[in-house]
Amino acid sequence: MYDINKLLIIANEFRSAFEETDLSEAPGFLPGFPEGCCSWASYMIGNYLKYELGLNPIEIQAERDAYDGNDPHSWIVVNNIIIDITSDEFDDSNEKVVVSSNSEWHKGWEVVKEAEIVKINEYDKIDYGKKLKPTDVYNMLTERVRYKCT
């Protein structure tokens, strides 16, 4: 089992990897990281935690009321610890990375679904019309993370 300090290191390394990797040909909103990237970020770090480290992360999908409808957001929970590397896509969060067992900001969201983490290559089956597949992006990110975390 990883303690919160190790999870914080991994989360920060993933955040740095996202910021330092050329995502211009990545699927979805990834080219504009962190804006709109919470699900992709959750899939990526969730895969690392589950398939590389043997942990059991769950993706949390949540919503809250916003002036223009509902705001959706996703993050990972592992061992009752919240891991969110895209919270700064929202104006009311002043943290790039949240790793906490008790986050007031996350309490303001209504959980609508808890999802198991599936292997990232399951997402390769979808044609995103981009050069890079999700597995390509994952491999690019984890090369950086493995170097710094192992």
N, C-alpha and C. Protein backbone atom coordinates (compact mmCIF):
# COMPACT_ATOMS: atom_id res chain seq x y z
N MET A 1 0.84 -1.19 0.00
CA MET A 1 0.00 0.00 0.00
C MET A 1 0.89 1.25 0.00
N TYR A 2 0.50 2.23 -0.76
CA TYR A 2 1.23 3.49 -0.84
C TYR A 2 0.65 4.48 0.16
N ASP A 3 1.53 5.18 0.85
CA ASP A 3 1.04 6.19 1.77
C ASP A 3 0.76 7.49 1.00
N ILE A 4 0.18 8.42 1.69
CA ILE A 4 -0.25 9.67 1.05
C ILE A 4 0.94 10.45 0.48
N ASN A 5 2.08 10.37 1.11
CA ASN A 5 3.25 11.09 0.61
C ASN A 5 3.72 10.54 -0.73
N LYS A 6 3.73 9.23 -0.87
CA LYS A 6 4.12 8.61 -2.13
C LYS A 6 3.08 8.94 -3.22
N LEU A 7 1.80 8.91 -2.85
CA LEU A 7 0.75 9.26 -3.82
C LEU A 7 0.88 10.72 -4.27
N LEU A 8 1.28 11.59 -3.37
CA LEU A 8 1.50 13.00 -3.72
C LEU A 8 2.66 13.13 -4.71
N ILE A 9 3.73 12.38 -4.49
CA ILE A 9 4.85 12.41 -5.43
C ILE A 9 4.40 11.95 -6.81
N ILE A 10 3.67 10.84 -6.85
CA ILE A 10 3.19 10.30 -8.13
C ILE A 10 2.26 11.30 -8.82
N ALA A 11 1.33 11.88 -8.08
CA ALA A 11 0.40 12.85 -8.65
C ALA A 11 1.15 14.05 -9.22
N ASN A 12 2.11 14.56 -8.49
CA ASN A 12 2.90 15.70 -8.98
C ASN A 12 3.72 15.33 -10.20
N GLU A 13 4.26 14.12 -10.22
CA GLU A 13 5.01 13.66 -11.39
C GLU A 13 4.11 13.52 -12.61
N PHE A 14 2.88 13.02 -12.41
CA PHE A 14 1.94 12.93 -13.52
C PHE A 14 1.57 14.32 -14.02
N ARG A 15 1.32 15.24 -13.12
CA ARG A 15 0.98 16.59 -13.52
C ARG A 15 2.12 17.20 -14.34
N SER A 16 3.34 17.04 -13.87
CA SER A 16 4.49 17.56 -14.60
C SER A 16 4.62 16.88 -15.97
N ALA A 17 4.39 15.58 -16.00
CA ALA A 17 4.47 14.85 -17.27
C ALA A 17 3.45 15.39 -18.27
N PHE A 18 2.23 15.63 -17.82
CA PHE A 18 1.20 16.22 -18.70
C PHE A 18 1.66 17.58 -19.21
N GLU A 19 2.20 18.40 -18.35
CA GLU A 19 2.61 19.75 -18.74
C GLU A 19 3.81 19.75 -19.67
N GLU A 20 4.68 18.75 -19.57
CA GLU A 20 5.91 18.72 -20.34
C GLU A 20 5.82 17.89 -21.61
N THR A 21 4.71 17.21 -21.83
CA THR A 21 4.56 16.33 -22.99
C THR A 21 3.79 17.05 -24.09
N ASP A 22 4.21 16.87 -25.32
CA ASP A 22 3.50 17.45 -26.47
C ASP A 22 2.21 16.66 -26.68
N LEU A 23 1.09 17.26 -26.35
CA LEU A 23 -0.22 16.61 -26.46
C LEU A 23 -1.02 17.14 -27.65
N SER A 24 -0.37 17.82 -28.58
CA SER A 24 -1.08 18.44 -29.70
C SER A 24 -1.82 17.43 -30.57
N GLU A 25 -1.36 16.20 -30.63
CA GLU A 25 -2.03 15.16 -31.43
C GLU A 25 -2.74 14.14 -30.55
N ALA A 26 -2.99 14.48 -29.29
CA ALA A 26 -3.67 13.59 -28.36
C ALA A 26 -5.18 13.69 -28.52
N PRO A 27 -5.92 12.65 -28.14
CA PRO A 27 -7.37 12.67 -28.28
C PRO A 27 -8.06 13.61 -27.28
N GLY A 28 -9.33 13.86 -27.57
CA GLY A 28 -10.16 14.65 -26.67
C GLY A 28 -9.63 16.05 -26.45
N PHE A 29 -9.79 16.51 -25.22
CA PHE A 29 -9.34 17.85 -24.84
C PHE A 29 -7.89 17.88 -24.37
N LEU A 30 -7.20 16.75 -24.44
CA LEU A 30 -5.83 16.68 -23.92
C LEU A 30 -4.89 17.75 -24.47
N PRO A 31 -5.04 18.17 -25.74
CA PRO A 31 -4.14 19.24 -26.20
C PRO A 31 -4.26 20.54 -25.40
N GLY A 32 -5.37 20.75 -24.70
CA GLY A 32 -5.57 21.96 -23.90
C GLY A 32 -5.42 21.73 -22.40
N PHE A 33 -4.68 20.69 -22.02
CA PHE A 33 -4.53 20.33 -20.61
C PHE A 33 -4.23 21.56 -19.76
N PRO A 34 -4.88 21.73 -18.60
CA PRO A 34 -5.78 20.83 -17.90
C PRO A 34 -7.26 21.02 -18.21
N GLU A 35 -7.59 22.05 -19.00
CA GLU A 35 -9.00 22.36 -19.29
C GLU A 35 -9.71 21.18 -19.93
N GLY A 36 -10.76 20.70 -19.30
CA GLY A 36 -11.58 19.62 -19.85
C GLY A 36 -10.91 18.26 -19.85
N CYS A 37 -9.84 18.11 -19.12
CA CYS A 37 -9.03 16.87 -19.17
C CYS A 37 -9.18 15.99 -17.95
N CYS A 38 -10.12 16.28 -17.07
CA CYS A 38 -10.19 15.53 -15.82
C CYS A 38 -10.41 14.03 -16.04
N SER A 39 -11.27 13.66 -16.99
CA SER A 39 -11.50 12.23 -17.23
C SER A 39 -10.25 11.56 -17.77
N TRP A 40 -9.64 12.17 -18.79
CA TRP A 40 -8.43 11.59 -19.35
C TRP A 40 -7.33 11.49 -18.31
N ALA A 41 -7.16 12.53 -17.52
CA ALA A 41 -6.13 12.50 -16.47
C ALA A 41 -6.43 11.39 -15.47
N SER A 42 -7.70 11.22 -15.13
CA SER A 42 -8.09 10.16 -14.21
C SER A 42 -7.81 8.78 -14.80
N TYR A 43 -8.13 8.60 -16.09
CA TYR A 43 -7.84 7.30 -16.73
C TYR A 43 -6.34 7.02 -16.70
N MET A 44 -5.54 8.03 -17.01
CA MET A 44 -4.10 7.83 -17.12
C MET A 44 -3.47 7.51 -15.77
N ILE A 45 -3.73 8.34 -14.78
CA ILE A 45 -3.13 8.08 -13.48
C ILE A 45 -3.76 6.84 -12.83
N GLY A 46 -5.04 6.62 -13.09
CA GLY A 46 -5.71 5.42 -12.58
C GLY A 46 -5.08 4.15 -13.13
N ASN A 47 -4.74 4.15 -14.40
CA ASN A 47 -4.07 3.00 -15.00
C ASN A 47 -2.72 2.76 -14.35
N TYR A 48 -1.99 3.81 -14.13
CA TYR A 48 -0.68 3.68 -13.50
C TYR A 48 -0.81 3.08 -12.10
N LEU A 49 -1.74 3.62 -11.33
CA LEU A 49 -1.92 3.13 -9.96
C LEU A 49 -2.40 1.68 -9.93
N LYS A 50 -3.28 1.32 -10.85
CA LYS A 50 -3.84 -0.03 -10.85
C LYS A 50 -2.92 -1.06 -11.49
N TYR A 51 -2.49 -0.78 -12.70
CA TYR A 51 -1.78 -1.80 -13.47
C TYR A 51 -0.27 -1.78 -13.28
N GLU A 52 0.28 -0.68 -12.83
CA GLU A 52 1.72 -0.60 -12.59
C GLU A 52 2.06 -0.82 -11.12
N LEU A 53 1.20 -0.32 -10.23
CA LEU A 53 1.50 -0.37 -8.80
C LEU A 53 0.62 -1.34 -8.01
N GLY A 54 -0.41 -1.90 -8.66
CA GLY A 54 -1.25 -2.89 -8.00
C GLY A 54 -2.24 -2.34 -7.00
N LEU A 55 -2.53 -1.05 -7.07
CA LEU A 55 -3.52 -0.44 -6.18
C LEU A 55 -4.91 -0.58 -6.80
N ASN A 56 -5.94 -0.16 -6.08
CA ASN A 56 -7.31 -0.29 -6.58
C ASN A 56 -8.00 1.07 -6.63
N PRO A 57 -7.62 1.92 -7.59
CA PRO A 57 -8.25 3.24 -7.69
C PRO A 57 -9.65 3.15 -8.30
N ILE A 58 -10.48 4.09 -7.93
CA ILE A 58 -11.83 4.24 -8.48
C ILE A 58 -11.92 5.64 -9.06
N GLU A 59 -12.50 5.75 -10.25
CA GLU A 59 -12.74 7.08 -10.81
C GLU A 59 -14.06 7.60 -10.25
N ILE A 60 -14.02 8.80 -9.72
CA ILE A 60 -15.22 9.48 -9.23
C ILE A 60 -15.66 10.46 -10.29
N GLN A 61 -16.91 10.35 -10.71
CA GLN A 61 -17.50 11.30 -11.65
C GLN A 61 -18.53 12.10 -10.87
N ALA A 62 -18.40 13.41 -10.90
CA ALA A 62 -19.23 14.27 -10.06
C ALA A 62 -19.71 15.48 -10.84
N GLU A 63 -20.70 16.16 -10.26
CA GLU A 63 -21.26 17.38 -10.85
C GLU A 63 -21.54 18.38 -9.75
N ARG A 64 -21.68 19.62 -10.17
CA ARG A 64 -22.17 20.67 -9.28
C ARG A 64 -22.86 21.71 -10.14
N ASP A 65 -23.72 22.47 -9.51
CA ASP A 65 -24.43 23.53 -10.23
C ASP A 65 -23.46 24.63 -10.62
N ALA A 66 -23.65 25.13 -11.81
CA ALA A 66 -22.86 26.25 -12.31
C ALA A 66 -23.82 27.26 -12.94
N TYR A 67 -23.34 28.45 -13.17
CA TYR A 67 -24.20 29.49 -13.72
C TYR A 67 -24.73 29.13 -15.10
N ASP A 68 -24.05 28.27 -15.83
CA ASP A 68 -24.48 27.91 -17.19
C ASP A 68 -24.87 26.42 -17.30
N GLY A 69 -25.30 25.84 -16.19
CA GLY A 69 -25.69 24.43 -16.20
C GLY A 69 -24.89 23.66 -15.17
N ASN A 70 -24.61 22.40 -15.46
CA ASN A 70 -23.83 21.57 -14.54
C ASN A 70 -22.36 21.54 -14.94
N ASP A 71 -21.52 21.65 -13.94
CA ASP A 71 -20.09 21.43 -14.13
C ASP A 71 -19.82 19.95 -13.86
N PRO A 72 -19.24 19.23 -14.81
CA PRO A 72 -18.79 17.87 -14.50
C PRO A 72 -17.31 17.89 -14.11
N HIS A 73 -16.91 16.91 -13.31
CA HIS A 73 -15.51 16.78 -12.94
C HIS A 73 -15.25 15.33 -12.54
N SER A 74 -14.01 14.88 -12.73
CA SER A 74 -13.60 13.53 -12.35
C SER A 74 -12.28 13.58 -11.61
N TRP A 75 -12.10 12.62 -10.72
CA TRP A 75 -10.85 12.43 -10.02
C TRP A 75 -10.76 10.98 -9.59
N ILE A 76 -9.66 10.62 -8.98
CA ILE A 76 -9.40 9.25 -8.53
C ILE A 76 -9.44 9.20 -7.01
N VAL A 77 -9.94 8.09 -6.49
CA VAL A 77 -9.83 7.81 -5.06
C VAL A 77 -9.16 6.45 -4.92
N VAL A 78 -8.14 6.41 -4.08
CA VAL A 78 -7.45 5.15 -3.79
C VAL A 78 -7.13 5.14 -2.29
N ASN A 79 -7.52 4.05 -1.63
CA ASN A 79 -7.32 3.94 -0.18
C ASN A 79 -7.91 5.14 0.55
N ASN A 80 -9.09 5.59 0.13
CA ASN A 80 -9.79 6.75 0.71
C ASN A 80 -9.03 8.06 0.56
N ILE A 81 -8.13 8.11 -0.39
CA ILE A 81 -7.36 9.34 -0.65
C ILE A 81 -7.76 9.88 -2.03
N ILE A 82 -8.15 11.13 -2.07
CA ILE A 82 -8.50 11.81 -3.31
C ILE A 82 -7.22 12.19 -4.04
N ILE A 83 -7.19 11.89 -5.34
CA ILE A 83 -6.07 12.30 -6.20
C ILE A 83 -6.68 13.03 -7.39
N ASP A 84 -6.39 14.30 -7.49
CA ASP A 84 -6.97 15.14 -8.55
C ASP A 84 -5.85 16.02 -9.10
N ILE A 85 -5.49 15.78 -10.36
CA ILE A 85 -4.40 16.57 -10.95
C ILE A 85 -4.90 17.62 -11.94
N THR A 86 -6.22 17.88 -11.94
CA THR A 86 -6.77 18.91 -12.82
C THR A 86 -7.75 19.85 -12.12
N SER A 87 -7.72 19.93 -10.81
CA SER A 87 -8.69 20.78 -10.12
C SER A 87 -8.55 22.25 -10.50
N ASP A 88 -7.36 22.64 -10.95
CA ASP A 88 -7.15 24.05 -11.31
C ASP A 88 -7.82 24.44 -12.62
N GLU A 89 -8.53 23.52 -13.25
CA GLU A 89 -9.30 23.92 -14.42
C GLU A 89 -10.53 24.73 -13.99
N PHE A 90 -10.79 24.77 -12.69
CA PHE A 90 -11.91 25.54 -12.14
C PHE A 90 -11.39 26.75 -11.38
N ASP A 91 -12.06 27.87 -11.57
CA ASP A 91 -11.61 29.14 -10.98
C ASP A 91 -11.58 29.14 -9.45
N ASP A 92 -12.44 28.32 -8.83
CA ASP A 92 -12.52 28.34 -7.37
C ASP A 92 -11.56 27.37 -6.70
N SER A 93 -10.73 26.72 -7.47
CA SER A 93 -9.69 25.86 -6.90
C SER A 93 -8.34 26.51 -7.17
N ASN A 94 -7.56 26.63 -6.14
CA ASN A 94 -6.25 27.26 -6.32
C ASN A 94 -5.12 26.25 -6.20
N GLU A 95 -5.44 24.97 -6.38
CA GLU A 95 -4.42 23.93 -6.33
C GLU A 95 -4.36 23.18 -7.65
N LYS A 96 -3.16 23.02 -8.18
CA LYS A 96 -2.96 22.23 -9.39
C LYS A 96 -3.17 20.75 -9.10
N VAL A 97 -2.66 20.31 -7.97
CA VAL A 97 -2.71 18.90 -7.59
C VAL A 97 -3.29 18.80 -6.19
N VAL A 98 -4.29 17.94 -6.04
CA VAL A 98 -4.87 17.67 -4.73
C VAL A 98 -4.66 16.19 -4.42
N VAL A 99 -4.02 15.92 -3.30
CA VAL A 99 -3.91 14.57 -2.77
C VAL A 99 -4.26 14.70 -1.29
N SER A 100 -5.46 14.22 -0.94
CA SER A 100 -5.97 14.49 0.40
C SER A 100 -7.00 13.45 0.81
N SER A 101 -7.04 13.17 2.10
CA SER A 101 -8.09 12.30 2.61
C SER A 101 -9.31 13.12 3.04
N ASN A 102 -9.19 14.45 2.97
CA ASN A 102 -10.30 15.31 3.39
C ASN A 102 -10.20 16.65 2.65
N SER A 103 -10.78 16.72 1.47
CA SER A 103 -10.73 17.94 0.66
C SER A 103 -12.08 18.66 0.71
N GLU A 104 -12.08 19.83 1.30
CA GLU A 104 -13.31 20.63 1.36
C GLU A 104 -13.82 20.95 -0.04
N TRP A 105 -12.92 21.26 -0.95
CA TRP A 105 -13.32 21.61 -2.31
C TRP A 105 -14.06 20.45 -2.96
N HIS A 106 -13.59 19.24 -2.80
CA HIS A 106 -14.23 18.07 -3.40
C HIS A 106 -15.58 17.73 -2.75
N LYS A 107 -15.74 18.13 -1.50
CA LYS A 107 -17.03 17.91 -0.82
C LYS A 107 -18.16 18.72 -1.46
N GLY A 108 -17.80 19.76 -2.20
CA GLY A 108 -18.81 20.60 -2.86
C GLY A 108 -19.37 19.98 -4.14
N TRP A 109 -18.95 18.79 -4.48
CA TRP A 109 -19.39 18.09 -5.68
C TRP A 109 -20.33 16.95 -5.29
N GLU A 110 -21.30 16.70 -6.15
CA GLU A 110 -22.21 15.56 -5.95
C GLU A 110 -21.72 14.40 -6.81
N VAL A 111 -21.38 13.31 -6.17
CA VAL A 111 -20.90 12.13 -6.89
C VAL A 111 -22.08 11.52 -7.65
N VAL A 112 -21.91 11.35 -8.95
CA VAL A 112 -22.97 10.75 -9.78
C VAL A 112 -22.62 9.33 -10.22
N LYS A 113 -21.31 9.00 -10.16
CA LYS A 113 -20.91 7.65 -10.56
C LYS A 113 -19.52 7.34 -10.03
N GLU A 114 -19.33 6.09 -9.64
CA GLU A 114 -18.01 5.57 -9.31
C GLU A 114 -17.71 4.50 -10.35
N ALA A 115 -16.58 4.63 -11.02
CA ALA A 115 -16.26 3.73 -12.13
C ALA A 115 -14.94 3.00 -11.88
N GLU A 116 -14.93 1.73 -12.22
CA GLU A 116 -13.70 0.95 -12.18
C GLU A 116 -12.75 1.47 -13.25
N ILE A 117 -11.49 1.33 -13.01
CA ILE A 117 -10.47 1.70 -14.00
C ILE A 117 -10.29 0.52 -14.95
N VAL A 118 -10.42 0.78 -16.24
CA VAL A 118 -10.17 -0.25 -17.25
C VAL A 118 -8.85 0.06 -17.94
N LYS A 119 -8.26 -0.96 -18.52
CA LYS A 119 -6.97 -0.76 -19.21
C LYS A 119 -7.12 0.32 -20.27
N ILE A 120 -6.13 1.15 -20.34
CA ILE A 120 -6.16 2.31 -21.24
C ILE A 120 -6.32 1.89 -22.70
N ASN A 121 -5.84 0.70 -23.06
CA ASN A 121 -5.96 0.28 -24.46
C ASN A 121 -7.41 0.03 -24.88
N GLU A 122 -8.33 -0.09 -23.94
CA GLU A 122 -9.76 -0.19 -24.29
C GLU A 122 -10.23 1.07 -25.02
N TYR A 123 -9.61 2.20 -24.70
CA TYR A 123 -9.99 3.47 -25.33
C TYR A 123 -9.37 3.62 -26.72
N ASP A 124 -8.40 2.76 -27.06
CA ASP A 124 -7.79 2.81 -28.39
C ASP A 124 -8.76 2.38 -29.48
N LYS A 125 -9.81 1.67 -29.10
CA LYS A 125 -10.78 1.15 -30.07
C LYS A 125 -11.63 2.26 -30.70
N ILE A 126 -11.65 3.42 -30.07
CA ILE A 126 -12.44 4.55 -30.56
C ILE A 126 -11.57 5.39 -31.49
N ASP A 127 -12.14 5.80 -32.61
CA ASP A 127 -11.39 6.65 -33.54
C ASP A 127 -11.59 8.11 -33.12
N TYR A 128 -10.54 8.71 -32.61
CA TYR A 128 -10.59 10.09 -32.16
C TYR A 128 -10.17 11.06 -33.24
N GLY A 129 -9.77 10.53 -34.39
CA GLY A 129 -9.34 11.39 -35.47
C GLY A 129 -8.03 12.11 -35.19
N LYS A 130 -7.25 11.56 -34.31
CA LYS A 130 -5.96 12.15 -33.94
C LYS A 130 -4.86 11.14 -34.23
N LYS A 131 -3.67 11.63 -34.30
CA LYS A 131 -2.51 10.80 -34.57
C LYS A 131 -2.21 9.84 -33.42
N LEU A 132 -2.30 10.34 -32.20
CA LEU A 132 -1.98 9.55 -31.02
C LEU A 132 -3.20 8.84 -30.46
N LYS A 133 -3.03 7.60 -30.08
CA LYS A 133 -4.06 6.85 -29.38
C LYS A 133 -3.86 7.06 -27.87
N PRO A 134 -4.89 6.79 -27.08
CA PRO A 134 -4.72 6.92 -25.63
C PRO A 134 -3.52 6.15 -25.08
N THR A 135 -3.26 4.94 -25.59
CA THR A 135 -2.12 4.17 -25.11
C THR A 135 -0.81 4.87 -25.42
N ASP A 136 -0.73 5.53 -26.58
CA ASP A 136 0.49 6.29 -26.92
C ASP A 136 0.72 7.40 -25.90
N VAL A 137 -0.33 8.12 -25.57
CA VAL A 137 -0.21 9.21 -24.60
C VAL A 137 0.20 8.65 -23.24
N TYR A 138 -0.45 7.58 -22.83
CA TYR A 138 -0.13 6.94 -21.55
C TYR A 138 1.35 6.56 -21.49
N ASN A 139 1.84 5.94 -22.55
CA ASN A 139 3.24 5.53 -22.58
C ASN A 139 4.19 6.73 -22.51
N MET A 140 3.84 7.80 -23.20
CA MET A 140 4.67 9.01 -23.16
C MET A 140 4.72 9.57 -21.73
N LEU A 141 3.57 9.58 -21.07
CA LEU A 141 3.50 10.13 -19.71
C LEU A 141 4.25 9.24 -18.72
N THR A 142 3.99 7.94 -18.78
CA THR A 142 4.58 7.06 -17.77
C THR A 142 6.08 6.89 -17.95
N GLU A 143 6.60 7.14 -19.13
CA GLU A 143 8.06 7.14 -19.29
C GLU A 143 8.68 8.17 -18.35
N ARG A 144 8.07 9.31 -18.26
CA ARG A 144 8.55 10.37 -17.38
C ARG A 144 8.32 10.01 -15.91
N VAL A 145 7.16 9.46 -15.61
CA VAL A 145 6.82 9.15 -14.23
C VAL A 145 7.66 8.00 -13.71
N ARG A 146 7.81 6.95 -14.49
CA ARG A 146 8.62 5.80 -14.05
C ARG A 146 10.06 6.23 -13.76
N TYR A 147 10.57 7.08 -14.58
CA TYR A 147 11.97 7.54 -14.40
C TYR A 147 12.13 8.23 -13.06
N LYS A 148 11.14 8.98 -12.67
CA LYS A 148 11.25 9.79 -11.46
C LYS A 148 10.74 9.08 -10.21
N CYS A 149 9.90 8.05 -10.37
CA CYS A 149 9.25 7.44 -9.20
C CYS A 149 9.74 6.05 -8.85
N THR A 150 10.60 5.47 -9.66
CA THR A 150 11.04 4.11 -9.32
C THR A 150 12.46 4.11 -8.85
